[in-house]
mmCIF file of all heavy atoms, coordinates in Angstrom:
data_MODEL
# 
_entry.id   MODEL 
# 
loop_
_atom_site.group_PDB 
_atom_site.id 
_atom_site.type_symbol 
_atom_site.label_atom_id 
_atom_site.label_alt_id 
_atom_site.label_comp_id 
_atom_site.label_asym_id 
_atom_site.label_entity_id 
_atom_site.label_seq_id 
_atom_site.pdbx_PDB_ins_code 
_atom_site.Cartn_x 
_atom_site.Cartn_y 
_atom_site.Cartn_z 
_atom_site.occupancy 
_atom_site.B_iso_or_equiv 
_atom_site.pdbx_formal_charge 
_atom_site.auth_seq_id 
_atom_site.auth_comp_id 
_atom_site.auth_asym_id 
_atom_site.auth_atom_id 
_atom_site.pdbx_PDB_model_num 
ATOM 1   N N   . ILE A 1 1  ? 222.414 -0.337 -74.031 1.00 0.00 ? 1  ILE A N   1 
ATOM 2   C CA  . ILE A 1 1  ? 222.583 1.120  -73.889 1.00 0.00 ? 1  ILE A CA  1 
ATOM 3   C C   . ILE A 1 1  ? 223.740 1.407  -72.928 1.00 0.00 ? 1  ILE A C   1 
ATOM 4   O O   . ILE A 1 1  ? 224.642 2.201  -73.218 1.00 0.00 ? 1  ILE A O   1 
ATOM 5   C CB  . ILE A 1 1  ? 221.295 1.774  -73.342 1.00 0.00 ? 1  ILE A CB  1 
ATOM 6   C CG1 . ILE A 1 1  ? 220.164 1.696  -74.366 1.00 0.00 ? 1  ILE A CG1 1 
ATOM 7   C CG2 . ILE A 1 1  ? 221.541 3.232  -72.966 1.00 0.00 ? 1  ILE A CG2 1 
ATOM 8   C CD1 . ILE A 1 1  ? 218.828 2.161  -73.842 1.00 0.00 ? 1  ILE A CD1 1 
ATOM 9   N N   . LEU A 1 2  ? 223.716 0.717  -71.771 1.00 0.00 ? 2  LEU A N   1 
ATOM 10  C CA  . LEU A 1 2  ? 224.730 1.006  -70.753 1.00 0.00 ? 2  LEU A CA  1 
ATOM 11  C C   . LEU A 1 2  ? 226.117 0.565  -71.209 1.00 0.00 ? 2  LEU A C   1 
ATOM 12  O O   . LEU A 1 2  ? 227.107 1.247  -70.957 1.00 0.00 ? 2  LEU A O   1 
ATOM 13  C CB  . LEU A 1 2  ? 224.362 0.316  -69.445 1.00 0.00 ? 2  LEU A CB  1 
ATOM 14  C CG  . LEU A 1 2  ? 223.176 0.955  -68.723 1.00 0.00 ? 2  LEU A CG  1 
ATOM 15  C CD1 . LEU A 1 2  ? 222.595 0.010  -67.710 1.00 0.00 ? 2  LEU A CD1 1 
ATOM 16  C CD2 . LEU A 1 2  ? 223.603 2.240  -68.040 1.00 0.00 ? 2  LEU A CD2 1 
ATOM 17  N N   . LYS A 1 3  ? 226.192 -0.587 -71.890 1.00 0.00 ? 3  LYS A N   1 
ATOM 18  C CA  . LYS A 1 3  ? 227.509 -1.078 -72.316 1.00 0.00 ? 3  LYS A CA  1 
ATOM 19  C C   . LYS A 1 3  ? 228.076 -0.214 -73.434 1.00 0.00 ? 3  LYS A C   1 
ATOM 20  O O   . LYS A 1 3  ? 229.263 -0.281 -73.728 1.00 0.00 ? 3  LYS A O   1 
ATOM 21  C CB  . LYS A 1 3  ? 227.424 -2.536 -72.772 1.00 0.00 ? 3  LYS A CB  1 
ATOM 22  C CG  . LYS A 1 3  ? 226.970 -3.506 -71.694 1.00 0.00 ? 3  LYS A CG  1 
ATOM 23  C CD  . LYS A 1 3  ? 227.944 -3.621 -70.540 1.00 0.00 ? 3  LYS A CD  1 
ATOM 24  C CE  . LYS A 1 3  ? 227.560 -4.743 -69.602 1.00 0.00 ? 3  LYS A CE  1 
ATOM 25  N NZ  . LYS A 1 3  ? 227.526 -4.331 -68.192 1.00 0.00 ? 3  LYS A NZ  1 
ATOM 26  N N   . SER A 1 4  ? 227.228 0.589  -74.095 1.00 0.00 ? 4  SER A N   1 
ATOM 27  C CA  . SER A 1 4  ? 227.771 1.529  -75.093 1.00 0.00 ? 4  SER A CA  1 
ATOM 28  C C   . SER A 1 4  ? 228.321 2.770  -74.401 1.00 0.00 ? 4  SER A C   1 
ATOM 29  O O   . SER A 1 4  ? 228.666 3.746  -75.073 1.00 0.00 ? 4  SER A O   1 
ATOM 30  C CB  . SER A 1 4  ? 226.706 1.968  -76.097 1.00 0.00 ? 4  SER A CB  1 
ATOM 31  O OG  . SER A 1 4  ? 225.760 0.985  -76.309 1.00 0.00 ? 4  SER A OG  1 
ATOM 32  N N   . ARG A 1 5  ? 228.328 2.763  -73.080 1.00 0.00 ? 5  ARG A N   1 
ATOM 33  C CA  . ARG A 1 5  ? 228.899 3.835  -72.266 1.00 0.00 ? 5  ARG A CA  1 
ATOM 34  C C   . ARG A 1 5  ? 228.226 5.190  -72.539 1.00 0.00 ? 5  ARG A C   1 
ATOM 35  O O   . ARG A 1 5  ? 228.883 6.210  -72.680 1.00 0.00 ? 5  ARG A O   1 
ATOM 36  C CB  . ARG A 1 5  ? 230.413 3.947  -72.494 1.00 0.00 ? 5  ARG A CB  1 
ATOM 37  C CG  . ARG A 1 5  ? 231.132 2.637  -72.240 1.00 0.00 ? 5  ARG A CG  1 
ATOM 38  C CD  . ARG A 1 5  ? 232.624 2.760  -72.373 1.00 0.00 ? 5  ARG A CD  1 
ATOM 39  N NE  . ARG A 1 5  ? 233.243 3.488  -71.276 1.00 0.00 ? 5  ARG A NE  1 
ATOM 40  C CZ  . ARG A 1 5  ? 233.478 2.996  -70.070 1.00 0.00 ? 5  ARG A CZ  1 
ATOM 41  N NH1 . ARG A 1 5  ? 233.123 1.768  -69.774 1.00 0.00 ? 5  ARG A NH1 1 
ATOM 42  N NH2 . ARG A 1 5  ? 234.034 3.733  -69.147 1.00 0.00 ? 5  ARG A NH2 1 
ATOM 43  N N   . LEU A 1 6  ? 226.903 5.159  -72.619 1.00 0.00 ? 6  LEU A N   1 
ATOM 44  C CA  . LEU A 1 6  ? 226.173 6.393  -72.923 1.00 0.00 ? 6  LEU A CA  1 
ATOM 45  C C   . LEU A 1 6  ? 225.655 7.082  -71.670 1.00 0.00 ? 6  LEU A C   1 
ATOM 46  O O   . LEU A 1 6  ? 225.296 8.242  -71.713 1.00 0.00 ? 6  LEU A O   1 
ATOM 47  C CB  . LEU A 1 6  ? 224.972 6.079  -73.831 1.00 0.00 ? 6  LEU A CB  1 
ATOM 48  C CG  . LEU A 1 6  ? 225.315 5.468  -75.197 1.00 0.00 ? 6  LEU A CG  1 
ATOM 49  C CD1 . LEU A 1 6  ? 224.048 5.121  -75.935 1.00 0.00 ? 6  LEU A CD1 1 
ATOM 50  C CD2 . LEU A 1 6  ? 226.141 6.446  -75.996 1.00 0.00 ? 6  LEU A CD2 1 
ATOM 51  N N   . ILE A 1 7  ? 225.576 6.346  -70.563 1.00 0.00 ? 7  ILE A N   1 
ATOM 52  C CA  . ILE A 1 7  ? 224.919 6.889  -69.376 1.00 0.00 ? 7  ILE A CA  1 
ATOM 53  C C   . ILE A 1 7  ? 225.952 7.251  -68.318 1.00 0.00 ? 7  ILE A C   1 
ATOM 54  O O   . ILE A 1 7  ? 226.811 6.425  -67.973 1.00 0.00 ? 7  ILE A O   1 
ATOM 55  C CB  . ILE A 1 7  ? 223.930 5.860  -68.782 1.00 0.00 ? 7  ILE A CB  1 
ATOM 56  C CG1 . ILE A 1 7  ? 222.996 5.317  -69.856 1.00 0.00 ? 7  ILE A CG1 1 
ATOM 57  C CG2 . ILE A 1 7  ? 223.166 6.458  -67.619 1.00 0.00 ? 7  ILE A CG2 1 
ATOM 58  C CD1 . ILE A 1 7  ? 221.969 6.285  -70.352 1.00 0.00 ? 7  ILE A CD1 1 
ATOM 59  N N   . LYS A 1 8  ? 225.865 8.480  -67.834 1.00 0.00 ? 8  LYS A N   1 
ATOM 60  C CA  . LYS A 1 8  ? 226.754 8.888  -66.748 1.00 0.00 ? 8  LYS A CA  1 
ATOM 61  C C   . LYS A 1 8  ? 225.928 9.143  -65.497 1.00 0.00 ? 8  LYS A C   1 
ATOM 62  O O   . LYS A 1 8  ? 224.861 9.763  -65.580 1.00 0.00 ? 8  LYS A O   1 
ATOM 63  C CB  . LYS A 1 8  ? 227.487 10.177 -67.101 1.00 0.00 ? 8  LYS A CB  1 
ATOM 64  C CG  . LYS A 1 8  ? 228.549 9.998  -68.157 1.00 0.00 ? 8  LYS A CG  1 
ATOM 65  C CD  . LYS A 1 8  ? 229.305 11.297 -68.375 1.00 0.00 ? 8  LYS A CD  1 
ATOM 66  C CE  . LYS A 1 8  ? 230.527 11.060 -69.235 1.00 0.00 ? 8  LYS A CE  1 
ATOM 67  N NZ  . LYS A 1 8  ? 231.279 12.288 -69.460 1.00 0.00 ? 8  LYS A NZ  1 
ATOM 68  N N   . VAL A 1 9  ? 226.418 8.691  -64.366 1.00 0.00 ? 9  VAL A N   1 
ATOM 69  C CA  . VAL A 1 9  ? 225.800 9.036  -63.088 1.00 0.00 ? 9  VAL A CA  1 
ATOM 70  C C   . VAL A 1 9  ? 226.816 9.869  -62.321 1.00 0.00 ? 9  VAL A C   1 
ATOM 71  O O   . VAL A 1 9  ? 227.949 9.419  -62.114 1.00 0.00 ? 9  VAL A O   1 
ATOM 72  C CB  . VAL A 1 9  ? 225.415 7.780  -62.282 1.00 0.00 ? 9  VAL A CB  1 
ATOM 73  C CG1 . VAL A 1 9  ? 224.786 8.180  -60.969 1.00 0.00 ? 9  VAL A CG1 1 
ATOM 74  C CG2 . VAL A 1 9  ? 224.455 6.918  -63.073 1.00 0.00 ? 9  VAL A CG2 1 
ATOM 75  N N   . ASP A 1 10 ? 226.434 11.071 -61.956 1.00 0.00 ? 10 ASP A N   1 
ATOM 76  C CA  . ASP A 1 10 ? 227.342 12.005 -61.280 1.00 0.00 ? 10 ASP A CA  1 
ATOM 77  C C   . ASP A 1 10 ? 228.642 12.199 -62.062 1.00 0.00 ? 10 ASP A C   1 
ATOM 78  O O   . ASP A 1 10 ? 229.738 12.233 -61.487 1.00 0.00 ? 10 ASP A O   1 
ATOM 79  C CB  . ASP A 1 10 ? 227.666 11.529 -59.856 1.00 0.00 ? 10 ASP A CB  1 
ATOM 80  C CG  . ASP A 1 10 ? 226.457 11.650 -58.950 1.00 0.00 ? 10 ASP A CG  1 
ATOM 81  O OD1 . ASP A 1 10 ? 225.483 12.291 -59.364 1.00 0.00 ? 10 ASP A OD1 1 
ATOM 82  O OD2 . ASP A 1 10 ? 226.493 11.097 -57.842 1.00 0.00 ? 10 ASP A OD2 1 
ATOM 83  N N   . GLY A 1 11 ? 228.520 12.277 -63.379 1.00 0.00 ? 11 GLY A N   1 
ATOM 84  C CA  . GLY A 1 11 ? 229.685 12.566 -64.202 1.00 0.00 ? 11 GLY A CA  1 
ATOM 85  C C   . GLY A 1 11 ? 230.603 11.385 -64.463 1.00 0.00 ? 11 GLY A C   1 
ATOM 86  O O   . GLY A 1 11 ? 231.653 11.546 -65.066 1.00 0.00 ? 11 GLY A O   1 
ATOM 87  N N   . LYS A 1 12 ? 230.223 10.173 -63.998 1.00 0.00 ? 12 LYS A N   1 
ATOM 88  C CA  . LYS A 1 12 ? 231.049 8.984  -64.265 1.00 0.00 ? 12 LYS A CA  1 
ATOM 89  C C   . LYS A 1 12 ? 230.224 7.994  -65.070 1.00 0.00 ? 12 LYS A C   1 
ATOM 90  O O   . LYS A 1 12 ? 229.055 7.759  -64.761 1.00 0.00 ? 12 LYS A O   1 
ATOM 91  C CB  . LYS A 1 12 ? 231.449 8.313  -62.937 1.00 0.00 ? 12 LYS A CB  1 
ATOM 92  C CG  . LYS A 1 12 ? 232.610 8.966  -62.236 1.00 0.00 ? 12 LYS A CG  1 
ATOM 93  C CD  . LYS A 1 12 ? 233.350 7.904  -61.424 1.00 0.00 ? 12 LYS A CD  1 
ATOM 94  C CE  . LYS A 1 12 ? 234.657 8.422  -60.860 1.00 0.00 ? 12 LYS A CE  1 
ATOM 95  N NZ  . LYS A 1 12 ? 234.466 9.291  -59.703 1.00 0.00 ? 12 LYS A NZ  1 
ATOM 96  N N   . VAL A 1 13 ? 230.850 7.406  -66.078 1.00 0.00 ? 13 VAL A N   1 
ATOM 97  C CA  . VAL A 1 13 ? 230.123 6.408  -66.873 1.00 0.00 ? 13 VAL A CA  1 
ATOM 98  C C   . VAL A 1 13 ? 229.847 5.186  -66.014 1.00 0.00 ? 13 VAL A C   1 
ATOM 99  O O   . VAL A 1 13 ? 230.740 4.667  -65.339 1.00 0.00 ? 13 VAL A O   1 
ATOM 100 C CB  . VAL A 1 13 ? 230.970 6.002  -68.093 1.00 0.00 ? 13 VAL A CB  1 
ATOM 101 C CG1 . VAL A 1 13 ? 230.301 4.873  -68.846 1.00 0.00 ? 13 VAL A CG1 1 
ATOM 102 C CG2 . VAL A 1 13 ? 231.189 7.189  -69.002 1.00 0.00 ? 13 VAL A CG2 1 
ATOM 103 N N   . ARG A 1 14 ? 228.606 4.708  -66.040 1.00 0.00 ? 14 ARG A N   1 
ATOM 104 C CA  . ARG A 1 14 ? 228.244 3.495  -65.285 1.00 0.00 ? 14 ARG A CA  1 
ATOM 105 C C   . ARG A 1 14 ? 227.700 2.475  -66.269 1.00 0.00 ? 14 ARG A C   1 
ATOM 106 O O   . ARG A 1 14 ? 226.817 2.799  -67.067 1.00 0.00 ? 14 ARG A O   1 
ATOM 107 C CB  . ARG A 1 14 ? 227.166 3.804  -64.251 1.00 0.00 ? 14 ARG A CB  1 
ATOM 108 C CG  . ARG A 1 14 ? 227.589 4.809  -63.198 1.00 0.00 ? 14 ARG A CG  1 
ATOM 109 C CD  . ARG A 1 14 ? 228.580 4.211  -62.223 1.00 0.00 ? 14 ARG A CD  1 
ATOM 110 N NE  . ARG A 1 14 ? 229.045 5.221  -61.263 1.00 0.00 ? 14 ARG A NE  1 
ATOM 111 C CZ  . ARG A 1 14 ? 230.120 5.066  -60.514 1.00 0.00 ? 14 ARG A CZ  1 
ATOM 112 N NH1 . ARG A 1 14 ? 230.861 3.991  -60.606 1.00 0.00 ? 14 ARG A NH1 1 
ATOM 113 N NH2 . ARG A 1 14 ? 230.475 6.000  -59.658 1.00 0.00 ? 14 ARG A NH2 1 
ATOM 114 N N   . THR A 1 15 ? 228.236 1.251  -66.205 1.00 0.00 ? 15 THR A N   1 
ATOM 115 C CA  . THR A 1 15 ? 227.777 0.238  -67.148 1.00 0.00 ? 15 THR A CA  1 
ATOM 116 C C   . THR A 1 15 ? 226.994 -0.868 -66.459 1.00 0.00 ? 15 THR A C   1 
ATOM 117 O O   . THR A 1 15 ? 226.559 -1.818 -67.108 1.00 0.00 ? 15 THR A O   1 
ATOM 118 C CB  . THR A 1 15 ? 228.974 -0.404 -67.870 1.00 0.00 ? 15 THR A CB  1 
ATOM 119 O OG1 . THR A 1 15 ? 229.846 -0.944 -66.876 1.00 0.00 ? 15 THR A OG1 1 
ATOM 120 C CG2 . THR A 1 15 ? 229.708 0.602  -68.712 1.00 0.00 ? 15 THR A CG2 1 
ATOM 121 N N   . ASP A 1 16 ? 226.820 -0.771 -65.152 1.00 0.00 ? 16 ASP A N   1 
ATOM 122 C CA  . ASP A 1 16 ? 226.080 -1.802 -64.415 1.00 0.00 ? 16 ASP A CA  1 
ATOM 123 C C   . ASP A 1 16 ? 224.597 -1.474 -64.472 1.00 0.00 ? 16 ASP A C   1 
ATOM 124 O O   . ASP A 1 16 ? 224.173 -0.415 -64.017 1.00 0.00 ? 16 ASP A O   1 
ATOM 125 C CB  . ASP A 1 16 ? 226.592 -1.804 -62.962 1.00 0.00 ? 16 ASP A CB  1 
ATOM 126 C CG  . ASP A 1 16 ? 225.790 -2.741 -62.084 1.00 0.00 ? 16 ASP A CG  1 
ATOM 127 O OD1 . ASP A 1 16 ? 225.008 -3.540 -62.639 1.00 0.00 ? 16 ASP A OD1 1 
ATOM 128 O OD2 . ASP A 1 16 ? 225.941 -2.674 -60.860 1.00 0.00 ? 16 ASP A OD2 1 
ATOM 129 N N   . GLU A 1 17 ? 223.788 -2.393 -65.034 1.00 0.00 ? 17 GLU A N   1 
ATOM 130 C CA  . GLU A 1 17 ? 222.368 -2.055 -65.210 1.00 0.00 ? 17 GLU A CA  1 
ATOM 131 C C   . GLU A 1 17 ? 221.604 -1.985 -63.885 1.00 0.00 ? 17 GLU A C   1 
ATOM 132 O O   . GLU A 1 17 ? 220.527 -1.421 -63.831 1.00 0.00 ? 17 GLU A O   1 
ATOM 133 C CB  . GLU A 1 17 ? 221.666 -3.020 -66.180 1.00 0.00 ? 17 GLU A CB  1 
ATOM 134 C CG  . GLU A 1 17 ? 221.798 -4.478 -65.889 1.00 0.00 ? 17 GLU A CG  1 
ATOM 135 C CD  . GLU A 1 17 ? 223.006 -5.073 -66.629 1.00 0.00 ? 17 GLU A CD  1 
ATOM 136 O OE1 . GLU A 1 17 ? 224.030 -4.378 -66.780 1.00 0.00 ? 17 GLU A OE1 1 
ATOM 137 O OE2 . GLU A 1 17 ? 222.923 -6.232 -67.021 1.00 0.00 ? 17 GLU A OE2 1 
ATOM 138 N N   . THR A 1 18 ? 222.167 -2.582 -62.839 1.00 0.00 ? 18 THR A N   1 
ATOM 139 C CA  . THR A 1 18 ? 221.467 -2.473 -61.548 1.00 0.00 ? 18 THR A CA  1 
ATOM 140 C C   . THR A 1 18 ? 222.210 -1.530 -60.598 1.00 0.00 ? 18 THR A C   1 
ATOM 141 O O   . THR A 1 18 ? 222.066 -1.635 -59.383 1.00 0.00 ? 18 THR A O   1 
ATOM 142 C CB  . THR A 1 18 ? 221.314 -3.860 -60.893 1.00 0.00 ? 18 THR A CB  1 
ATOM 143 O OG1 . THR A 1 18 ? 222.583 -4.503 -60.864 1.00 0.00 ? 18 THR A OG1 1 
ATOM 144 C CG2 . THR A 1 18 ? 220.341 -4.713 -61.684 1.00 0.00 ? 18 THR A CG2 1 
ATOM 145 N N   . TYR A 1 19 ? 222.994 -0.619 -61.171 1.00 0.00 ? 19 TYR A N   1 
ATOM 146 C CA  . TYR A 1 19 ? 223.685 0.373  -60.333 1.00 0.00 ? 19 TYR A CA  1 
ATOM 147 C C   . TYR A 1 19 ? 222.651 1.179  -59.546 1.00 0.00 ? 19 TYR A C   1 
ATOM 148 O O   . TYR A 1 19 ? 221.682 1.693  -60.115 1.00 0.00 ? 19 TYR A O   1 
ATOM 149 C CB  . TYR A 1 19 ? 224.495 1.318  -61.226 1.00 0.00 ? 19 TYR A CB  1 
ATOM 150 C CG  . TYR A 1 19 ? 225.220 2.398  -60.448 1.00 0.00 ? 19 TYR A CG  1 
ATOM 151 C CD1 . TYR A 1 19 ? 226.440 2.131  -59.851 1.00 0.00 ? 19 TYR A CD1 1 
ATOM 152 C CD2 . TYR A 1 19 ? 224.666 3.666  -60.283 1.00 0.00 ? 19 TYR A CD2 1 
ATOM 153 C CE1 . TYR A 1 19 ? 227.105 3.106  -59.125 1.00 0.00 ? 19 TYR A CE1 1 
ATOM 154 C CE2 . TYR A 1 19 ? 225.320 4.647  -59.558 1.00 0.00 ? 19 TYR A CE2 1 
ATOM 155 C CZ  . TYR A 1 19 ? 226.528 4.353  -58.978 1.00 0.00 ? 19 TYR A CZ  1 
ATOM 156 O OH  . TYR A 1 19 ? 227.175 5.314  -58.250 1.00 0.00 ? 19 TYR A OH  1 
ATOM 157 N N   . PRO A 1 20 ? 222.829 1.292  -58.207 1.00 0.00 ? 20 PRO A N   1 
ATOM 158 C CA  . PRO A 1 20 ? 221.809 1.989  -57.417 1.00 0.00 ? 20 PRO A CA  1 
ATOM 159 C C   . PRO A 1 20 ? 221.963 3.511  -57.470 1.00 0.00 ? 20 PRO A C   1 
ATOM 160 O O   . PRO A 1 20 ? 222.781 4.079  -56.761 1.00 0.00 ? 20 PRO A O   1 
ATOM 161 C CB  . PRO A 1 20 ? 222.059 1.465  -55.999 1.00 0.00 ? 20 PRO A CB  1 
ATOM 162 C CG  . PRO A 1 20 ? 223.502 1.125  -55.976 1.00 0.00 ? 20 PRO A CG  1 
ATOM 163 C CD  . PRO A 1 20 ? 223.898 0.753  -57.374 1.00 0.00 ? 20 PRO A CD  1 
ATOM 164 N N   . ALA A 1 21 ? 221.209 4.146  -58.328 1.00 0.00 ? 21 ALA A N   1 
ATOM 165 C CA  . ALA A 1 21 ? 221.166 5.608  -58.327 1.00 0.00 ? 21 ALA A CA  1 
ATOM 166 C C   . ALA A 1 21 ? 220.200 6.010  -57.222 1.00 0.00 ? 21 ALA A C   1 
ATOM 167 O O   . ALA A 1 21 ? 219.200 5.329  -57.009 1.00 0.00 ? 21 ALA A O   1 
ATOM 168 C CB  . ALA A 1 21 ? 220.692 6.120  -59.668 1.00 0.00 ? 21 ALA A CB  1 
ATOM 169 N N   . GLY A 1 22 ? 220.483 7.104  -56.513 1.00 0.00 ? 22 GLY A N   1 
ATOM 170 C CA  . GLY A 1 22 ? 219.621 7.475  -55.390 1.00 0.00 ? 22 GLY A CA  1 
ATOM 171 C C   . GLY A 1 22 ? 219.354 8.962  -55.351 1.00 0.00 ? 22 GLY A C   1 
ATOM 172 O O   . GLY A 1 22 ? 219.671 9.699  -56.283 1.00 0.00 ? 22 GLY A O   1 
ATOM 173 N N   . PHE A 1 23 ? 218.802 9.391  -54.232 1.00 0.00 ? 23 PHE A N   1 
ATOM 174 C CA  . PHE A 1 23 ? 218.393 10.782 -54.052 1.00 0.00 ? 23 PHE A CA  1 
ATOM 175 C C   . PHE A 1 23 ? 219.536 11.742 -54.393 1.00 0.00 ? 23 PHE A C   1 
ATOM 176 O O   . PHE A 1 23 ? 220.667 11.540 -53.959 1.00 0.00 ? 23 PHE A O   1 
ATOM 177 C CB  . PHE A 1 23 ? 217.964 10.973 -52.597 1.00 0.00 ? 23 PHE A CB  1 
ATOM 178 C CG  . PHE A 1 23 ? 217.392 12.332 -52.309 1.00 0.00 ? 23 PHE A CG  1 
ATOM 179 C CD1 . PHE A 1 23 ? 216.166 12.702 -52.819 1.00 0.00 ? 23 PHE A CD1 1 
ATOM 180 C CD2 . PHE A 1 23 ? 218.081 13.232 -51.513 1.00 0.00 ? 23 PHE A CD2 1 
ATOM 181 C CE1 . PHE A 1 23 ? 215.637 13.947 -52.558 1.00 0.00 ? 23 PHE A CE1 1 
ATOM 182 C CE2 . PHE A 1 23 ? 217.557 14.483 -51.234 1.00 0.00 ? 23 PHE A CE2 1 
ATOM 183 C CZ  . PHE A 1 23 ? 216.326 14.837 -51.761 1.00 0.00 ? 23 PHE A CZ  1 
ATOM 184 N N   . MET A 1 24 ? 219.244 12.751 -55.216 1.00 0.00 ? 24 MET A N   1 
ATOM 185 C CA  . MET A 1 24 ? 220.182 13.803 -55.622 1.00 0.00 ? 24 MET A CA  1 
ATOM 186 C C   . MET A 1 24 ? 221.176 13.382 -56.707 1.00 0.00 ? 24 MET A C   1 
ATOM 187 O O   . MET A 1 24 ? 221.980 14.192 -57.160 1.00 0.00 ? 24 MET A O   1 
ATOM 188 C CB  . MET A 1 24 ? 221.016 14.355 -54.434 1.00 0.00 ? 24 MET A CB  1 
ATOM 189 C CG  . MET A 1 24 ? 220.290 15.348 -53.594 1.00 0.00 ? 24 MET A CG  1 
ATOM 190 S SD  . MET A 1 24 ? 220.024 16.892 -54.439 1.00 0.00 ? 24 MET A SD  1 
ATOM 191 C CE  . MET A 1 24 ? 218.785 17.599 -53.377 1.00 0.00 ? 24 MET A CE  1 
# 
């Protein structure tokens, strides 16, 4: 899913599956 560039965190595409998303 992530390598298909479908997920954005704070408006930036993230492809690292262990990217640390946090509060807010």
